Amino acid sequence: AADHEAILEEFLEGQARVLVGTQMVAKGLDIPAVTLVGVVSADTGLAVPDFRAAERAFQVLVQVAGRAGRGSRRGRVIIQTLQPEHYAIVAAADQDYEAFYEIEIGVRAEHADPPFSRLIRLMYADPRAEESRLEAVKLAARLRRERTMSGETGTEVIGPTPAYPPRLRGRTRWHVVLKGAEPARLLDKVALPRGWVVDVDPVSLA
């Protein structure tokens, strides 16, 4: 953190003319001298297996674009991407919040993603990769059996699938996602084995 502050201080004072850093200029900083901002691989975040991926990509790009031209001189933003026609990138380049919302809300409605449903994410992690996978397979099977037996067919059992990233802090992670109007009703009918983490209305599935 101290290194970042020192670098930004040098940049603010004009000791440096070019700043290279992951989202360093996107954090709400007001630097009037910035007239050119470049974004490399802008669509990387779109590949994340999360229904909010487009929203996050749009948000970051809008923030970055907003750093250029805040002073008396006009600013310019260059976005490098492999998906120049993606609606999140087009809307961000145009600073068009309404256009992004209209498309994004339609996509979510089509796939019954929030806000048109609720999610519960069940996560299991273990240093042993195969043990983690087997635990996830067993729980998903139990949830599907209970779904059929109890008539809770309004809740979808998704997975098990590897989490993203699949390995974190030396542990392999798998998750099962429940999606529906009231997924907690199905979850209440299944006793979770030890080691499972429950995330109701998760902010991210990554």
N, C-alpha and C. Protein backbone atom coordinates (compact mmCIF):
# COMPACT_ATOMS: atom_id res chain seq x y z
N ALA A 1 0.84 -1.20 0.00
CA ALA A 1 0.00 0.00 0.00
C ALA A 1 0.87 1.25 0.00
N ALA A 2 1.94 1.22 0.79
CA ALA A 2 2.84 2.38 0.85
C ALA A 2 3.51 2.61 -0.49
N ASP A 3 3.91 1.53 -1.18
CA ASP A 3 4.53 1.66 -2.49
C ASP A 3 3.57 2.30 -3.48
N HIS A 4 2.29 1.88 -3.44
CA HIS A 4 1.29 2.44 -4.34
C HIS A 4 1.11 3.93 -4.09
N GLU A 5 1.07 4.32 -2.83
CA GLU A 5 0.91 5.72 -2.48
C GLU A 5 2.08 6.56 -2.99
N ALA A 6 3.28 6.02 -2.86
CA ALA A 6 4.47 6.74 -3.32
C ALA A 6 4.44 6.91 -4.83
N ILE A 7 4.06 5.87 -5.54
CA ILE A 7 3.99 5.94 -7.00
C ILE A 7 2.96 6.97 -7.44
N LEU A 8 1.79 6.93 -6.81
CA LEU A 8 0.74 7.88 -7.18
C LEU A 8 1.14 9.32 -6.86
N GLU A 9 1.87 9.49 -5.75
CA GLU A 9 2.33 10.83 -5.37
C GLU A 9 3.28 11.39 -6.42
N GLU A 10 4.19 10.56 -6.90
CA GLU A 10 5.11 10.98 -7.95
C GLU A 10 4.35 11.37 -9.22
N PHE A 11 3.33 10.58 -9.52
CA PHE A 11 2.53 10.84 -10.72
C PHE A 11 1.75 12.15 -10.58
N LEU A 12 1.17 12.36 -9.41
CA LEU A 12 0.40 13.58 -9.16
C LEU A 12 1.28 14.82 -9.23
N GLU A 13 2.52 14.67 -8.79
CA GLU A 13 3.44 15.81 -8.78
C GLU A 13 4.11 16.03 -10.13
N GLY A 14 3.83 15.17 -11.09
CA GLY A 14 4.39 15.34 -12.41
C GLY A 14 5.78 14.78 -12.59
N GLN A 15 6.27 14.01 -11.59
CA GLN A 15 7.60 13.41 -11.71
C GLN A 15 7.59 12.25 -12.70
N ALA A 16 6.39 11.69 -12.94
CA ALA A 16 6.23 10.61 -13.91
C ALA A 16 5.12 11.00 -14.87
N ARG A 17 5.27 10.63 -16.13
CA ARG A 17 4.27 10.98 -17.15
C ARG A 17 3.41 9.79 -17.54
N VAL A 18 3.87 8.58 -17.21
CA VAL A 18 3.13 7.37 -17.58
C VAL A 18 2.96 6.50 -16.34
N LEU A 19 1.75 6.01 -16.11
CA LEU A 19 1.46 5.15 -14.97
C LEU A 19 0.90 3.83 -15.50
N VAL A 20 1.55 2.73 -15.14
CA VAL A 20 1.10 1.40 -15.55
C VAL A 20 0.71 0.64 -14.30
N GLY A 21 -0.52 0.16 -14.24
CA GLY A 21 -0.94 -0.58 -13.06
C GLY A 21 -2.35 -1.11 -13.22
N THR A 22 -2.62 -2.26 -12.63
CA THR A 22 -3.93 -2.88 -12.72
C THR A 22 -4.97 -2.07 -11.97
N GLN A 23 -5.81 -1.38 -12.70
CA GLN A 23 -6.93 -0.61 -12.15
C GLN A 23 -6.48 0.48 -11.16
N MET A 24 -5.21 0.83 -11.15
CA MET A 24 -4.73 1.84 -10.19
C MET A 24 -5.40 3.20 -10.40
N VAL A 25 -5.73 3.50 -11.65
CA VAL A 25 -6.32 4.80 -11.96
C VAL A 25 -7.84 4.74 -11.94
N ALA A 26 -8.40 3.56 -11.63
CA ALA A 26 -9.86 3.40 -11.67
C ALA A 26 -10.51 3.62 -10.32
N LYS A 27 -9.72 3.87 -9.30
CA LYS A 27 -10.25 3.89 -7.94
C LYS A 27 -10.75 5.26 -7.49
N GLY A 28 -11.38 5.99 -8.39
CA GLY A 28 -11.97 7.26 -8.00
C GLY A 28 -10.99 8.40 -7.83
N LEU A 29 -9.78 8.24 -8.34
CA LEU A 29 -8.78 9.29 -8.20
C LEU A 29 -9.07 10.43 -9.17
N ASP A 30 -8.86 11.65 -8.71
CA ASP A 30 -9.06 12.82 -9.56
C ASP A 30 -7.68 13.36 -9.94
N ILE A 31 -7.24 13.03 -11.16
CA ILE A 31 -5.93 13.45 -11.63
C ILE A 31 -6.14 14.25 -12.91
N PRO A 32 -6.29 15.57 -12.80
CA PRO A 32 -6.61 16.40 -13.97
C PRO A 32 -5.61 16.28 -15.11
N ALA A 33 -4.34 15.98 -14.81
CA ALA A 33 -3.32 15.93 -15.85
C ALA A 33 -3.46 14.74 -16.78
N VAL A 34 -4.26 13.74 -16.40
CA VAL A 34 -4.41 12.54 -17.23
C VAL A 34 -5.29 12.87 -18.44
N THR A 35 -4.72 12.71 -19.62
CA THR A 35 -5.48 12.96 -20.85
C THR A 35 -5.61 11.72 -21.72
N LEU A 36 -4.87 10.67 -21.37
CA LEU A 36 -4.96 9.43 -22.14
C LEU A 36 -4.95 8.24 -21.19
N VAL A 37 -5.94 7.36 -21.35
CA VAL A 37 -6.02 6.13 -20.56
C VAL A 37 -6.14 4.96 -21.53
N GLY A 38 -5.33 3.94 -21.32
CA GLY A 38 -5.41 2.74 -22.15
C GLY A 38 -5.78 1.53 -21.30
N VAL A 39 -6.64 0.69 -21.83
CA VAL A 39 -7.06 -0.54 -21.14
C VAL A 39 -6.64 -1.72 -22.00
N VAL A 40 -5.82 -2.60 -21.45
CA VAL A 40 -5.35 -3.78 -22.17
C VAL A 40 -6.18 -5.00 -21.76
N SER A 41 -6.56 -5.81 -22.75
CA SER A 41 -7.35 -7.02 -22.50
C SER A 41 -8.60 -6.70 -21.68
N ALA A 42 -9.38 -5.77 -22.18
CA ALA A 42 -10.57 -5.31 -21.46
C ALA A 42 -11.61 -6.39 -21.27
N ASP A 43 -11.57 -7.43 -22.10
CA ASP A 43 -12.62 -8.46 -22.00
C ASP A 43 -12.22 -9.65 -21.14
N THR A 44 -11.07 -9.57 -20.46
CA THR A 44 -10.65 -10.69 -19.62
C THR A 44 -11.73 -11.05 -18.60
N GLY A 45 -12.29 -10.05 -17.97
CA GLY A 45 -13.30 -10.30 -16.95
C GLY A 45 -14.57 -10.91 -17.48
N LEU A 46 -14.82 -10.78 -18.78
CA LEU A 46 -16.04 -11.35 -19.37
C LEU A 46 -16.00 -12.87 -19.41
N ALA A 47 -14.80 -13.44 -19.31
CA ALA A 47 -14.66 -14.90 -19.38
C ALA A 47 -14.88 -15.57 -18.03
N VAL A 48 -15.03 -14.78 -16.97
CA VAL A 48 -15.24 -15.35 -15.64
C VAL A 48 -16.63 -15.99 -15.57
N PRO A 49 -16.73 -17.23 -15.05
CA PRO A 49 -18.03 -17.91 -14.98
C PRO A 49 -18.93 -17.34 -13.89
N ASP A 50 -19.47 -16.17 -14.14
CA ASP A 50 -20.30 -15.48 -13.16
C ASP A 50 -21.31 -14.63 -13.91
N PHE A 51 -22.58 -14.70 -13.50
CA PHE A 51 -23.61 -13.96 -14.23
C PHE A 51 -23.42 -12.45 -14.12
N ARG A 52 -22.60 -11.99 -13.17
CA ARG A 52 -22.34 -10.56 -13.04
C ARG A 52 -21.07 -10.11 -13.78
N ALA A 53 -20.49 -10.98 -14.58
CA ALA A 53 -19.22 -10.66 -15.25
C ALA A 53 -19.35 -9.43 -16.14
N ALA A 54 -20.41 -9.35 -16.92
CA ALA A 54 -20.58 -8.21 -17.82
C ALA A 54 -20.76 -6.92 -17.02
N GLU A 55 -21.51 -7.00 -15.93
CA GLU A 55 -21.73 -5.82 -15.10
C GLU A 55 -20.41 -5.31 -14.52
N ARG A 56 -19.57 -6.22 -14.05
CA ARG A 56 -18.29 -5.81 -13.46
C ARG A 56 -17.36 -5.22 -14.52
N ALA A 57 -17.33 -5.84 -15.70
CA ALA A 57 -16.49 -5.32 -16.77
C ALA A 57 -16.93 -3.91 -17.16
N PHE A 58 -18.23 -3.73 -17.31
CA PHE A 58 -18.77 -2.41 -17.65
C PHE A 58 -18.41 -1.38 -16.57
N GLN A 59 -18.55 -1.77 -15.32
CA GLN A 59 -18.28 -0.85 -14.20
C GLN A 59 -16.82 -0.39 -14.20
N VAL A 60 -15.90 -1.35 -14.36
CA VAL A 60 -14.47 -1.01 -14.33
C VAL A 60 -14.10 -0.12 -15.52
N LEU A 61 -14.63 -0.46 -16.70
CA LEU A 61 -14.30 0.33 -17.89
C LEU A 61 -14.83 1.75 -17.78
N VAL A 62 -16.03 1.91 -17.24
CA VAL A 62 -16.60 3.25 -17.07
C VAL A 62 -15.76 4.05 -16.08
N GLN A 63 -15.31 3.39 -15.00
CA GLN A 63 -14.48 4.08 -14.02
C GLN A 63 -13.15 4.52 -14.64
N VAL A 64 -12.54 3.62 -15.40
CA VAL A 64 -11.25 3.94 -16.02
C VAL A 64 -11.42 5.08 -17.03
N ALA A 65 -12.46 4.98 -17.86
CA ALA A 65 -12.68 6.01 -18.87
C ALA A 65 -12.92 7.37 -18.22
N GLY A 66 -13.51 7.34 -17.03
CA GLY A 66 -13.81 8.59 -16.34
C GLY A 66 -12.59 9.29 -15.77
N ARG A 67 -11.43 8.62 -15.80
CA ARG A 67 -10.20 9.25 -15.29
C ARG A 67 -9.58 10.20 -16.30
N ALA A 68 -9.91 10.03 -17.58
CA ALA A 68 -9.26 10.85 -18.61
C ALA A 68 -10.05 12.13 -18.88
N GLY A 69 -9.32 13.22 -19.08
CA GLY A 69 -9.94 14.47 -19.45
C GLY A 69 -10.70 15.17 -18.35
N ARG A 70 -10.26 15.00 -17.11
CA ARG A 70 -10.95 15.64 -15.99
C ARG A 70 -10.47 17.08 -15.76
N GLY A 71 -9.39 17.45 -16.44
CA GLY A 71 -8.87 18.81 -16.33
C GLY A 71 -9.40 19.68 -17.46
N SER A 72 -8.63 20.69 -17.83
CA SER A 72 -9.05 21.62 -18.88
C SER A 72 -8.89 21.04 -20.28
N ARG A 73 -8.04 20.02 -20.40
CA ARG A 73 -7.80 19.42 -21.72
C ARG A 73 -8.67 18.19 -21.92
N ARG A 74 -9.06 17.97 -23.16
CA ARG A 74 -9.90 16.81 -23.48
C ARG A 74 -9.13 15.51 -23.25
N GLY A 75 -9.85 14.47 -22.89
CA GLY A 75 -9.23 13.18 -22.66
C GLY A 75 -9.57 12.18 -23.74
N ARG A 76 -8.78 11.12 -23.76
CA ARG A 76 -8.98 10.07 -24.75
C ARG A 76 -8.80 8.72 -24.06
N VAL A 77 -9.61 7.74 -24.44
CA VAL A 77 -9.53 6.40 -23.86
C VAL A 77 -9.40 5.39 -24.99
N ILE A 78 -8.41 4.51 -24.89
CA ILE A 78 -8.21 3.45 -25.88
C ILE A 78 -8.44 2.11 -25.19
N ILE A 79 -9.37 1.32 -25.73
CA ILE A 79 -9.71 0.03 -25.14
C ILE A 79 -9.27 -1.08 -26.10
N GLN A 80 -8.40 -1.96 -25.63
CA GLN A 80 -7.95 -3.10 -26.44
C GLN A 80 -8.77 -4.32 -26.03
N THR A 81 -9.44 -4.93 -27.00
CA THR A 81 -10.33 -6.05 -26.69
C THR A 81 -10.44 -7.00 -27.87
N LEU A 82 -10.74 -8.26 -27.59
CA LEU A 82 -11.00 -9.25 -28.63
C LEU A 82 -12.49 -9.32 -28.94
N GLN A 83 -13.30 -8.60 -28.15
CA GLN A 83 -14.76 -8.62 -28.34
C GLN A 83 -15.29 -7.19 -28.46
N PRO A 84 -14.89 -6.46 -29.48
CA PRO A 84 -15.29 -5.05 -29.59
C PRO A 84 -16.79 -4.85 -29.73
N GLU A 85 -17.53 -5.91 -30.12
CA GLU A 85 -18.97 -5.78 -30.30
C GLU A 85 -19.76 -6.16 -29.04
N HIS A 86 -19.07 -6.62 -27.99
CA HIS A 86 -19.79 -7.02 -26.78
C HIS A 86 -20.51 -5.81 -26.20
N TYR A 87 -21.75 -6.03 -25.78
CA TYR A 87 -22.57 -4.89 -25.33
C TYR A 87 -21.98 -4.17 -24.12
N ALA A 88 -21.28 -4.89 -23.25
CA ALA A 88 -20.69 -4.24 -22.07
C ALA A 88 -19.57 -3.29 -22.48
N ILE A 89 -18.79 -3.69 -23.47
CA ILE A 89 -17.67 -2.86 -23.92
C ILE A 89 -18.17 -1.69 -24.75
N VAL A 90 -19.14 -1.93 -25.62
CA VAL A 90 -19.71 -0.85 -26.43
C VAL A 90 -20.36 0.19 -25.53
N ALA A 91 -21.15 -0.26 -24.57
CA ALA A 91 -21.85 0.68 -23.68
C ALA A 91 -20.86 1.45 -22.81
N ALA A 92 -19.81 0.77 -22.36
CA ALA A 92 -18.80 1.46 -21.53
C ALA A 92 -18.06 2.51 -22.35
N ALA A 93 -17.71 2.17 -23.58
CA ALA A 93 -17.01 3.11 -24.44
C ALA A 93 -17.87 4.35 -24.70
N ASP A 94 -19.18 4.15 -24.77
CA ASP A 94 -20.11 5.26 -25.01
C ASP A 94 -20.59 5.91 -23.71
N GLN A 95 -20.15 5.35 -22.57
CA GLN A 95 -20.63 5.83 -21.26
C GLN A 95 -22.17 5.81 -21.22
N ASP A 96 -22.73 4.73 -21.77
CA ASP A 96 -24.19 4.64 -21.91
C ASP A 96 -24.74 3.64 -20.90
N TYR A 97 -25.12 4.14 -19.74
CA TYR A 97 -25.63 3.29 -18.67
C TYR A 97 -26.97 2.65 -19.04
N GLU A 98 -27.83 3.42 -19.67
CA GLU A 98 -29.16 2.91 -20.00
C GLU A 98 -29.09 1.79 -21.02
N ALA A 99 -28.22 1.93 -22.02
CA ALA A 99 -28.08 0.88 -23.03
C ALA A 99 -27.58 -0.41 -22.39
N PHE A 100 -26.59 -0.28 -21.49
CA PHE A 100 -26.09 -1.48 -20.82
C PHE A 100 -27.19 -2.13 -19.99
N TYR A 101 -27.92 -1.33 -19.24
CA TYR A 101 -28.98 -1.87 -18.38
C TYR A 101 -30.03 -2.62 -19.20
N GLU A 102 -30.47 -2.03 -20.28
CA GLU A 102 -31.55 -2.65 -21.07
C GLU A 102 -31.13 -4.02 -21.59
N ILE A 103 -29.91 -4.15 -22.07
CA ILE A 103 -29.46 -5.45 -22.58
C ILE A 103 -29.21 -6.42 -21.43
N GLU A 104 -28.53 -5.94 -20.38
CA GLU A 104 -28.17 -6.82 -19.27
C GLU A 104 -29.40 -7.37 -18.56
N ILE A 105 -30.41 -6.53 -18.34
CA ILE A 105 -31.61 -7.00 -17.64
C ILE A 105 -32.36 -8.02 -18.49
N GLY A 106 -32.28 -7.86 -19.82
CA GLY A 106 -32.91 -8.82 -20.71
C GLY A 106 -32.21 -10.18 -20.67
N VAL A 107 -30.86 -10.14 -20.62
CA VAL A 107 -30.08 -11.37 -20.53
C VAL A 107 -30.39 -12.11 -19.23
N ARG A 108 -30.47 -11.36 -18.15
CA ARG A 108 -30.74 -11.99 -16.85
C ARG A 108 -32.15 -12.57 -16.81
N ALA A 109 -33.11 -11.88 -17.40
CA ALA A 109 -34.49 -12.39 -17.44
C ALA A 109 -34.54 -13.69 -18.24
N GLU A 110 -33.82 -13.72 -19.35
CA GLU A 110 -33.81 -14.91 -20.22
C GLU A 110 -33.27 -16.14 -19.48
N HIS A 111 -32.26 -15.92 -18.62
CA HIS A 111 -31.64 -17.03 -17.92
C HIS A 111 -32.13 -17.18 -16.47
N ALA A 112 -33.13 -16.38 -16.12
CA ALA A 112 -33.69 -16.41 -14.75
C ALA A 112 -32.61 -16.19 -13.70
N ASP A 113 -31.69 -15.28 -13.99
CA ASP A 113 -30.67 -14.90 -13.01
C ASP A 113 -31.20 -13.74 -12.17
N PRO A 114 -30.60 -13.50 -11.00
CA PRO A 114 -31.03 -12.36 -10.18
C PRO A 114 -31.04 -11.08 -11.02
N PRO A 115 -32.06 -10.22 -10.83
CA PRO A 115 -33.06 -10.21 -9.75
C PRO A 115 -34.31 -11.04 -10.00
N PHE A 116 -34.29 -11.90 -11.00
CA PHE A 116 -35.47 -12.71 -11.32
C PHE A 116 -35.49 -14.04 -10.58
N SER A 117 -34.50 -14.27 -9.75
CA SER A 117 -34.43 -15.47 -8.92
C SER A 117 -33.49 -15.16 -7.75
N ARG A 118 -33.38 -16.13 -6.86
CA ARG A 118 -32.42 -16.02 -5.77
C ARG A 118 -31.43 -17.18 -5.87
N LEU A 119 -30.23 -16.95 -5.36
CA LEU A 119 -29.18 -17.96 -5.42
C LEU A 119 -28.68 -18.30 -4.02
N ILE A 120 -28.28 -19.56 -3.86
CA ILE A 120 -27.53 -19.98 -2.69
C ILE A 120 -26.33 -20.77 -3.21
N ARG A 121 -25.16 -20.35 -2.79
CA ARG A 121 -23.94 -21.02 -3.23
C ARG A 121 -23.40 -21.86 -2.09
N LEU A 122 -23.14 -23.13 -2.39
CA LEU A 122 -22.58 -24.07 -1.41
C LEU A 122 -21.17 -24.41 -1.85
N MET A 123 -20.20 -24.12 -0.99
CA MET A 123 -18.79 -24.27 -1.36
C MET A 123 -18.09 -25.27 -0.45
N TYR A 124 -17.29 -26.13 -1.09
CA TYR A 124 -16.49 -27.09 -0.32
C TYR A 124 -15.05 -27.01 -0.82
N ALA A 125 -14.10 -26.99 0.10
CA ALA A 125 -12.68 -26.92 -0.26
C ALA A 125 -11.90 -27.94 0.55
N ASP A 126 -10.92 -28.57 -0.09
CA ASP A 126 -10.10 -29.58 0.58
C ASP A 126 -8.73 -29.62 -0.09
N PRO A 127 -7.66 -29.84 0.67
CA PRO A 127 -6.34 -29.95 0.05
C PRO A 127 -6.27 -31.08 -0.97
N ARG A 128 -7.08 -32.11 -0.77
CA ARG A 128 -7.10 -33.26 -1.68
C ARG A 128 -8.13 -33.01 -2.77
N ALA A 129 -7.67 -32.89 -4.01
CA ALA A 129 -8.54 -32.53 -5.12
C ALA A 129 -9.69 -33.50 -5.31
N GLU A 130 -9.40 -34.80 -5.27
CA GLU A 130 -10.43 -35.79 -5.51
C GLU A 130 -11.45 -35.83 -4.38
N GLU A 131 -10.99 -35.63 -3.15
CA GLU A 131 -11.90 -35.61 -2.01
C GLU A 131 -12.89 -34.46 -2.14
N SER A 132 -12.42 -33.32 -2.57
CA SER A 132 -13.29 -32.16 -2.74
C SER A 132 -14.35 -32.43 -3.82
N ARG A 133 -13.91 -33.02 -4.92
CA ARG A 133 -14.85 -33.33 -6.00
C ARG A 133 -15.91 -34.32 -5.55
N LEU A 134 -15.50 -35.37 -4.86
CA LEU A 134 -16.44 -36.40 -4.42
C LEU A 134 -17.47 -35.85 -3.44
N GLU A 135 -17.04 -34.99 -2.54
CA GLU A 135 -17.97 -34.38 -1.59
C GLU A 135 -19.03 -33.57 -2.33
N ALA A 136 -18.59 -32.84 -3.35
CA ALA A 136 -19.53 -32.02 -4.12
C ALA A 136 -20.50 -32.89 -4.91
N VAL A 137 -20.01 -33.98 -5.48
CA VAL A 137 -20.87 -34.90 -6.23
C VAL A 137 -21.92 -35.50 -5.31
N LYS A 138 -21.51 -35.91 -4.12
CA LYS A 138 -22.45 -36.53 -3.17
C LYS A 138 -23.53 -35.55 -2.73
N LEU A 139 -23.14 -34.31 -2.43
CA LEU A 139 -24.13 -33.34 -1.96
C LEU A 139 -25.10 -32.98 -3.08
N ALA A 140 -24.61 -32.81 -4.29
CA ALA A 140 -25.49 -32.47 -5.41
C ALA A 140 -26.51 -33.58 -5.63
N ALA A 141 -26.07 -34.82 -5.52
CA ALA A 141 -26.98 -35.96 -5.70
C ALA A 141 -28.06 -35.96 -4.60
N ARG A 142 -27.65 -35.69 -3.36
CA ARG A 142 -28.62 -35.64 -2.26
C ARG A 142 -29.63 -34.53 -2.46
N LEU A 143 -29.16 -33.38 -2.90
CA LEU A 143 -30.06 -32.25 -3.14
C LEU A 143 -31.05 -32.56 -4.25
N ARG A 144 -30.60 -33.23 -5.29
CA ARG A 144 -31.50 -33.57 -6.40
C ARG A 144 -32.54 -34.61 -5.97
N ARG A 145 -32.13 -35.57 -5.15
CA ARG A 145 -33.09 -36.56 -4.64
C ARG A 145 -34.15 -35.88 -3.78
N GLU A 146 -33.70 -34.99 -2.91
CA GLU A 146 -34.63 -34.29 -2.03
C GLU A 146 -35.54 -33.36 -2.83
N ARG A 147 -35.00 -32.77 -3.86
CA ARG A 147 -35.80 -31.90 -4.72
C ARG A 147 -36.97 -32.66 -5.32
N THR A 148 -36.70 -33.87 -5.79
CA THR A 148 -37.76 -34.69 -6.39
C THR A 148 -38.74 -35.19 -5.33
N MET A 149 -38.22 -35.68 -4.21
CA MET A 149 -39.07 -36.27 -3.16
C MET A 149 -39.96 -35.24 -2.49
N SER A 150 -39.44 -34.02 -2.30
CA SER A 150 -40.20 -33.00 -1.58
C SER A 150 -41.06 -32.14 -2.48
N GLY A 151 -40.87 -32.27 -3.78
CA GLY A 151 -41.65 -31.46 -4.71
C GLY A 151 -41.14 -30.04 -4.88
N GLU A 152 -39.90 -29.79 -4.41
CA GLU A 152 -39.32 -28.45 -4.53
C GLU A 152 -38.71 -28.26 -5.92
N THR A 153 -39.53 -28.54 -6.93
CA THR A 153 -39.01 -28.51 -8.30
C THR A 153 -38.81 -27.08 -8.83
N GLY A 154 -39.24 -26.09 -8.06
CA GLY A 154 -39.01 -24.71 -8.46
C GLY A 154 -37.57 -24.26 -8.22
N THR A 155 -36.82 -25.09 -7.51
CA THR A 155 -35.41 -24.79 -7.26
C THR A 155 -34.54 -25.66 -8.15
N GLU A 156 -33.63 -25.04 -8.87
CA GLU A 156 -32.70 -25.75 -9.75
C GLU A 156 -31.41 -26.03 -9.00
N VAL A 157 -30.89 -27.24 -9.14
CA VAL A 157 -29.60 -27.61 -8.56
C VAL A 157 -28.56 -27.58 -9.68
N ILE A 158 -27.63 -26.65 -9.59
CA ILE A 158 -26.63 -26.46 -10.63
C ILE A 158 -25.28 -26.97 -10.14
N GLY A 159 -24.70 -27.87 -10.91
CA GLY A 159 -23.40 -28.40 -10.53
C GLY A 159 -23.50 -29.84 -10.07
N PRO A 160 -22.40 -30.31 -9.47
CA PRO A 160 -21.25 -29.55 -8.98
C PRO A 160 -20.29 -29.14 -10.10
N THR A 161 -19.64 -28.01 -9.89
CA THR A 161 -18.63 -27.53 -10.83
C THR A 161 -17.44 -26.98 -10.04
N PRO A 162 -16.26 -26.98 -10.64
CA PRO A 162 -15.12 -26.36 -9.96
C PRO A 162 -15.40 -24.87 -9.75
N ALA A 163 -15.01 -24.35 -8.60
CA ALA A 163 -15.15 -22.92 -8.36
C ALA A 163 -14.09 -22.18 -9.17
N TYR A 164 -14.19 -20.86 -9.17
CA TYR A 164 -13.20 -20.07 -9.91
C TYR A 164 -12.53 -19.09 -8.95
N PRO A 165 -11.21 -19.16 -8.79
CA PRO A 165 -10.31 -20.17 -9.36
C PRO A 165 -10.51 -21.51 -8.65
N PRO A 166 -10.23 -22.63 -9.34
CA PRO A 166 -10.50 -23.94 -8.74
C PRO A 166 -9.61 -24.28 -7.55
N ARG A 167 -8.43 -23.68 -7.48
CA ARG A 167 -7.55 -23.96 -6.34
C ARG A 167 -7.10 -22.64 -5.72
N LEU A 168 -7.29 -22.53 -4.41
CA LEU A 168 -6.97 -21.29 -3.72
C LEU A 168 -6.40 -21.61 -2.35
N ARG A 169 -5.26 -21.02 -2.02
CA ARG A 169 -4.59 -21.24 -0.73
C ARG A 169 -4.38 -22.73 -0.44
N GLY A 170 -3.97 -23.45 -1.48
CA GLY A 170 -3.62 -24.86 -1.31
C GLY A 170 -4.81 -25.80 -1.21
N ARG A 171 -6.02 -25.32 -1.51
CA ARG A 171 -7.21 -26.16 -1.40
C ARG A 171 -7.99 -26.13 -2.71
N THR A 172 -8.48 -27.30 -3.12
CA THR A 172 -9.29 -27.40 -4.33
C THR A 172 -10.74 -27.13 -3.96
N ARG A 173 -11.39 -26.26 -4.74
CA ARG A 173 -12.73 -25.80 -4.40
C ARG A 173 -13.77 -26.24 -5.43
N TRP A 174 -14.88 -26.78 -4.91
CA TRP A 174 -16.02 -27.13 -5.75
C TRP A 174 -17.26 -26.46 -5.16
N HIS A 175 -18.20 -26.15 -6.04
CA HIS A 175 -19.42 -25.58 -5.50
C HIS A 175 -20.66 -26.13 -6.20
N VAL A 176 -21.78 -26.00 -5.48
CA VAL A 176 -23.11 -26.35 -5.97
C VAL A 176 -23.96 -25.11 -5.77
N VAL A 177 -24.74 -24.75 -6.77
CA VAL A 177 -25.57 -23.54 -6.69
C VAL A 177 -27.05 -23.93 -6.76
N LEU A 178 -27.82 -23.37 -5.86
CA LEU A 178 -29.27 -23.53 -5.88
C LEU A 178 -29.88 -22.25 -6.42
N LYS A 179 -30.77 -22.38 -7.39
CA LYS A 179 -31.39 -21.20 -8.00
C LYS A 179 -32.89 -21.37 -8.08
N GLY A 180 -33.61 -20.37 -7.63
CA GLY A 180 -35.07 -20.41 -7.68
C GLY A 180 -35.66 -19.26 -6.90
N ALA A 181 -36.99 -19.26 -6.77
CA ALA A 181 -37.66 -18.20 -6.03
C ALA A 181 -37.37 -18.30 -4.54
N GLU A 182 -37.31 -19.54 -4.02
CA GLU A 182 -37.05 -19.76 -2.60
C GLU A 182 -36.13 -20.97 -2.42
N PRO A 183 -34.88 -20.87 -2.82
CA PRO A 183 -33.97 -22.03 -2.74
C PRO A 183 -33.69 -22.48 -1.31
N ALA A 184 -33.91 -21.61 -0.34
CA ALA A 184 -33.66 -21.98 1.06
C ALA A 184 -34.59 -23.10 1.51
N ARG A 185 -35.76 -23.21 0.89
CA ARG A 185 -36.70 -24.27 1.30
C ARG A 185 -36.13 -25.65 1.01
N LEU A 186 -35.43 -25.80 -0.10
CA LEU A 186 -34.79 -27.07 -0.41
C LEU A 186 -33.60 -27.30 0.50
N LEU A 187 -32.80 -26.27 0.70
CA LEU A 187 -31.62 -26.41 1.54
C LEU A 187 -31.99 -26.80 2.97
N ASP A 188 -33.10 -26.29 3.47
CA ASP A 188 -33.54 -26.61 4.83
C ASP A 188 -33.84 -28.09 5.03
N LYS A 189 -34.07 -28.80 3.94
CA LYS A 189 -34.45 -30.21 4.02
C LYS A 189 -33.24 -31.15 3.98
N VAL A 190 -32.04 -30.58 3.78
CA VAL A 190 -30.83 -31.41 3.66
C VAL A 190 -29.81 -30.94 4.69
N ALA A 191 -29.40 -31.86 5.55
CA ALA A 191 -28.37 -31.53 6.54
C ALA A 191 -27.01 -31.51 5.85
N LEU A 192 -26.34 -30.38 5.92
CA LEU A 192 -25.05 -30.25 5.26
C LEU A 192 -23.95 -30.91 6.08
N PRO A 193 -23.12 -31.72 5.43
CA PRO A 193 -21.96 -32.30 6.14
C PRO A 193 -21.00 -31.21 6.58
N ARG A 194 -20.14 -31.55 7.48
CA ARG A 194 -19.15 -30.59 7.97
C ARG A 194 -18.23 -30.14 6.84
N GLY A 195 -17.87 -28.87 6.86
CA GLY A 195 -16.92 -28.34 5.89
C GLY A 195 -17.54 -27.52 4.77
N TRP A 196 -18.86 -27.56 4.66
CA TRP A 196 -19.53 -26.80 3.61
C TRP A 196 -19.77 -25.36 4.07
N VAL A 197 -19.58 -24.43 3.14
CA VAL A 197 -19.82 -23.01 3.41
C VAL A 197 -21.04 -22.57 2.60
N VAL A 198 -21.98 -21.92 3.28
CA VAL A 198 -23.22 -21.49 2.63
C VAL A 198 -23.18 -19.98 2.41
N ASP A 199 -23.43 -19.55 1.18
CA ASP A 199 -23.46 -18.13 0.84
C ASP A 199 -24.81 -17.83 0.20
N VAL A 200 -25.70 -17.15 0.95
CA VAL A 200 -27.03 -16.81 0.47
C VAL A 200 -26.95 -15.49 -0.29
N ASP A 201 -27.57 -15.45 -1.48
CA ASP A 201 -27.50 -14.27 -2.34
C ASP A 201 -26.05 -13.82 -2.53
N PRO A 202 -25.20 -14.69 -3.07
CA PRO A 202 -23.78 -14.37 -3.20
C PRO A 202 -23.54 -13.17 -4.11
N VAL A 203 -22.58 -12.36 -3.73
CA VAL A 203 -22.20 -11.21 -4.55
C VAL A 203 -21.53 -11.68 -5.84
N SER A 204 -20.85 -12.81 -5.75
CA SER A 204 -20.14 -13.34 -6.91
C SER A 204 -20.18 -14.86 -6.89
N LEU A 205 -20.17 -15.45 -8.08
CA LEU A 205 -20.07 -16.91 -8.19
C LEU A 205 -18.65 -17.31 -8.59
N ALA A 206 -17.76 -16.35 -8.66
CA ALA A 206 -16.37 -16.63 -9.02
C ALA A 206 -15.54 -16.86 -7.77
